[in-house]
Every structure is written in C-alpha cells, then in structure tokens.
Amino acid sequence: MNPQGRRPLRRFAHLLKRVAPFGHKRILLLEDDPSMQRLVSRLLRSSLHVRVELFGDGRAVVARIANAGDRYDALLLDLMMPHDGGLTVLRNLREHHPSLLAKVILLTGSGSGITDPWSPHVFAVVPKPFEGSALSATLRACIRKRVSQ
C-alpha cells in the first residue's frame, strides 16, 4: 500500500482511540426477563457500542464461562432469578474462576443483605430499577479499569 493511501486513516486515528476501548468489547448479560434483556442490550449497544451476549439461565452462563470466560470484558448478572441465576454464577466463579469476579456487575432489586457478601468481590452492584445512564457509566468504568490493568 502506498503511503498516501494511509494518510486519511491517520487523520481519524484520534477518533478510533475513543471508540476502541468499547467497540470491540464483549458483555455477558444474564437476565431472565426478555423485555429487560432487550432494553439493556439496546442501551449498551447504542451507548457504548459493545457486543452483548444474552443468557436467561445461570447454568448456561456457567457452561459458557467454562469454555470462553476470558473472552468477556464484563458480566452483568441478575442476582435473583426464579431458578439458576446470578447466585449460581457467582458461586461457580468463586470456586473455579475467581479472577472473573472483578468483571461482575450485579443487577438486583433485592436488599443489601443478599448483595453485601458479594460486594467486596465484584466490580459493582446496580440496584433495580436503574437509570440507563447509571448502568452505562458503571459498565464504562468497569471496562476502563480492565483496559488500564
């Protein structure tokens, strides 16, 4: 490729640096409510331009993490679900993948009594209902922390 062909890309390099920390990031979302899955995934895709993989069952997340856990830049987990939810995933992470706990953001409508034991180990706890901007800011901070390490 000739040097002149690369010049236009250099002009936009500063823009790529802004997008790159988020544009290629993968987020795992565990949420049992399909409408909440759609809402959160749309919000994150539009505000942070990340890839969101949706799961409705904690056992499926455990299986996915066993095969590809390191591929995720953050894990958003609904803590309380009717069956295997965020608690199932947290227990598995604590036992088999403790380094991934620092990438976890808990989404919960439950009281602090349930989240308190996990708070020191996860990146953040976001209470439901939440503002979209608050979730985006929390996820952005989690990704930035991971990028800077």
Protein backbone atom coordinates (compact mmCIF):
# COMPACT_ATOMS: atom_id res chain seq x y z
CA MET A 1 0.00 0.00 0.00
CA ASN A 2 1.37 3.42 -0.83
CA PRO A 3 1.91 5.96 1.97
CA GLN A 4 -0.68 8.33 0.53
CA GLY A 5 -3.35 5.64 0.89
CA ARG A 6 -2.73 5.53 4.64
CA ARG A 7 -2.81 9.25 5.28
CA PRO A 8 -6.61 9.57 5.55
CA LEU A 9 -6.66 6.92 8.28
CA ARG A 10 -4.11 8.86 10.31
CA ARG A 11 -6.43 11.85 10.32
CA PHE A 12 -9.09 9.76 12.04
CA ALA A 13 -6.82 7.84 14.41
CA HIS A 14 -7.83 10.04 17.35
CA LEU A 15 -11.47 9.06 16.79
CA LEU A 16 -10.63 5.37 16.69
CA LYS A 17 -8.87 5.68 20.04
CA ARG A 18 -12.11 6.94 21.58
CA VAL A 19 -14.21 4.10 20.20
CA ALA A 20 -11.72 1.23 20.51
CA PRO A 21 -11.91 0.73 24.28
CA PHE A 22 -15.59 -0.10 23.95
CA GLY A 23 -16.27 -1.01 20.33
CA HIS A 24 -14.67 -4.42 20.49
CA LYS A 25 -15.72 -5.34 23.99
CA ARG A 26 -17.92 -8.30 24.82
CA ILE A 27 -20.50 -8.17 27.56
CA LEU A 28 -22.35 -11.15 29.01
CA LEU A 29 -25.85 -10.36 30.26
CA LEU A 30 -27.75 -12.79 32.47
CA GLU A 31 -31.37 -11.69 32.79
CA ASP A 32 -34.49 -13.84 32.91
CA ASP A 33 -36.92 -11.15 31.73
CA PRO A 34 -36.87 -10.95 27.89
CA SER A 35 -38.05 -7.33 27.83
CA MET A 36 -35.26 -6.35 30.23
CA GLN A 37 -32.77 -8.29 28.08
CA ARG A 38 -33.83 -6.27 25.04
CA LEU A 39 -33.80 -2.97 26.91
CA VAL A 40 -30.36 -3.43 28.47
CA SER A 41 -28.76 -4.84 25.33
CA ARG A 42 -30.10 -1.98 23.18
CA LEU A 43 -28.94 0.57 25.72
CA LEU A 44 -25.42 -0.85 25.88
CA ARG A 45 -25.09 -1.38 22.15
CA SER A 46 -26.20 2.17 21.39
CA SER A 47 -24.38 4.00 24.20
CA LEU A 48 -21.12 2.01 24.36
CA HIS A 49 -21.10 0.12 21.03
CA VAL A 50 -20.33 -3.19 22.72
CA ARG A 51 -21.31 -6.73 21.82
CA VAL A 52 -23.86 -8.18 24.22
CA GLU A 53 -24.49 -11.90 24.59
CA LEU A 54 -27.79 -12.71 26.25
CA PHE A 55 -28.48 -15.54 28.66
CA GLY A 56 -31.65 -16.38 30.58
CA ASP A 57 -30.28 -19.18 32.73
CA GLY A 58 -27.33 -19.33 35.12
CA ARG A 59 -26.39 -22.87 34.14
CA ALA A 60 -25.93 -21.75 30.53
CA VAL A 61 -23.65 -18.94 31.74
CA VAL A 62 -21.58 -21.37 33.82
CA ALA A 63 -21.15 -23.61 30.76
CA ARG A 64 -20.23 -20.64 28.55
CA ILE A 65 -17.70 -19.31 31.05
CA ALA A 66 -16.09 -22.73 31.32
CA ASN A 67 -15.46 -22.58 27.55
CA ALA A 68 -14.90 -18.87 26.96
CA GLY A 69 -14.96 -16.90 30.21
CA ASP A 70 -11.85 -14.88 29.42
CA ARG A 71 -13.49 -13.51 26.28
CA TYR A 72 -15.82 -11.26 28.27
CA ASP A 73 -14.89 -7.78 29.38
CA ALA A 74 -17.78 -7.58 31.84
CA LEU A 75 -20.51 -9.83 33.18
CA LEU A 76 -23.87 -8.28 34.08
CA LEU A 77 -25.74 -10.69 36.31
CA ASP A 78 -29.32 -10.52 37.51
CA LEU A 79 -28.82 -11.70 41.05
CA MET A 80 -32.25 -13.07 41.90
CA MET A 81 -33.97 -15.28 39.36
CA PRO A 82 -36.62 -18.00 39.79
CA HIS A 83 -34.14 -20.78 39.11
CA ASP A 84 -30.40 -20.74 38.45
CA GLY A 85 -29.47 -17.08 38.31
CA GLY A 86 -26.67 -14.78 39.32
CA LEU A 87 -26.02 -16.54 42.62
CA THR A 88 -25.35 -19.80 40.78
CA VAL A 89 -22.85 -17.99 38.54
CA LEU A 90 -21.20 -16.16 41.44
CA ARG A 91 -20.66 -19.38 43.39
CA ASN A 92 -19.16 -21.01 40.31
CA LEU A 93 -16.87 -18.04 39.65
CA ARG A 94 -15.70 -18.01 43.27
CA GLU A 95 -14.80 -21.68 43.05
CA HIS A 96 -13.45 -22.02 39.50
CA HIS A 97 -12.70 -18.54 38.07
CA PRO A 98 -12.12 -16.11 40.96
CA SER A 99 -10.31 -13.58 38.74
CA LEU A 100 -13.54 -13.04 36.77
CA LEU A 101 -15.39 -11.75 39.85
CA ALA A 102 -13.72 -8.35 39.32
CA LYS A 103 -15.60 -8.11 35.98
CA VAL A 104 -19.02 -8.71 37.53
CA ILE A 105 -21.72 -6.07 37.83
CA LEU A 106 -24.70 -7.31 39.82
CA LEU A 107 -28.17 -6.12 38.81
CA THR A 108 -30.62 -6.59 41.65
CA GLY A 109 -33.89 -5.49 43.11
CA SER A 110 -33.05 -7.30 46.33
CA GLY A 111 -31.90 -5.72 49.54
CA SER A 112 -28.31 -5.26 50.61
CA GLY A 113 -28.48 -8.35 52.82
CA ILE A 114 -28.13 -10.51 49.71
CA THR A 115 -25.53 -8.36 47.94
CA ASP A 116 -23.34 -7.47 50.95
CA PRO A 117 -21.38 -10.74 50.99
CA TRP A 118 -20.54 -10.30 47.30
CA SER A 119 -19.91 -6.54 47.20
CA PRO A 120 -16.20 -6.72 48.11
CA HIS A 121 -15.57 -9.28 45.35
CA VAL A 122 -17.46 -7.83 42.38
CA PHE A 123 -16.93 -4.60 40.47
CA ALA A 124 -20.30 -3.04 41.36
CA VAL A 125 -23.87 -3.58 42.46
CA VAL A 126 -26.52 -1.70 40.46
CA PRO A 127 -29.93 -1.61 42.16
CA LYS A 128 -33.07 -2.10 40.09
CA PRO A 129 -34.77 -0.05 38.85
CA PHE A 130 -31.78 1.81 37.44
CA GLU A 131 -31.22 4.73 35.12
CA GLY A 132 -29.72 3.77 31.78
CA SER A 133 -27.01 6.37 32.17
CA ALA A 134 -26.02 4.91 35.56
CA LEU A 135 -25.66 1.42 34.11
CA SER A 136 -23.68 2.73 31.13
CA ALA A 137 -21.37 4.72 33.40
CA THR A 138 -20.79 1.71 35.65
CA LEU A 139 -20.03 -0.55 32.70
CA ARG A 140 -17.77 2.09 31.16
CA ALA A 141 -15.81 2.30 34.44
CA CYS A 142 -15.52 -1.49 34.62
CA ILE A 143 -14.18 -1.69 31.08
CA ARG A 144 -11.75 1.18 31.64
CA LYS A 145 -10.45 -0.47 34.78
CA ARG A 146 -9.88 -3.69 32.86
CA VAL A 147 -8.18 -1.84 29.97
CA SER A 148 -5.84 0.06 32.30
CA GLN A 149 -4.67 -3.09 34.10
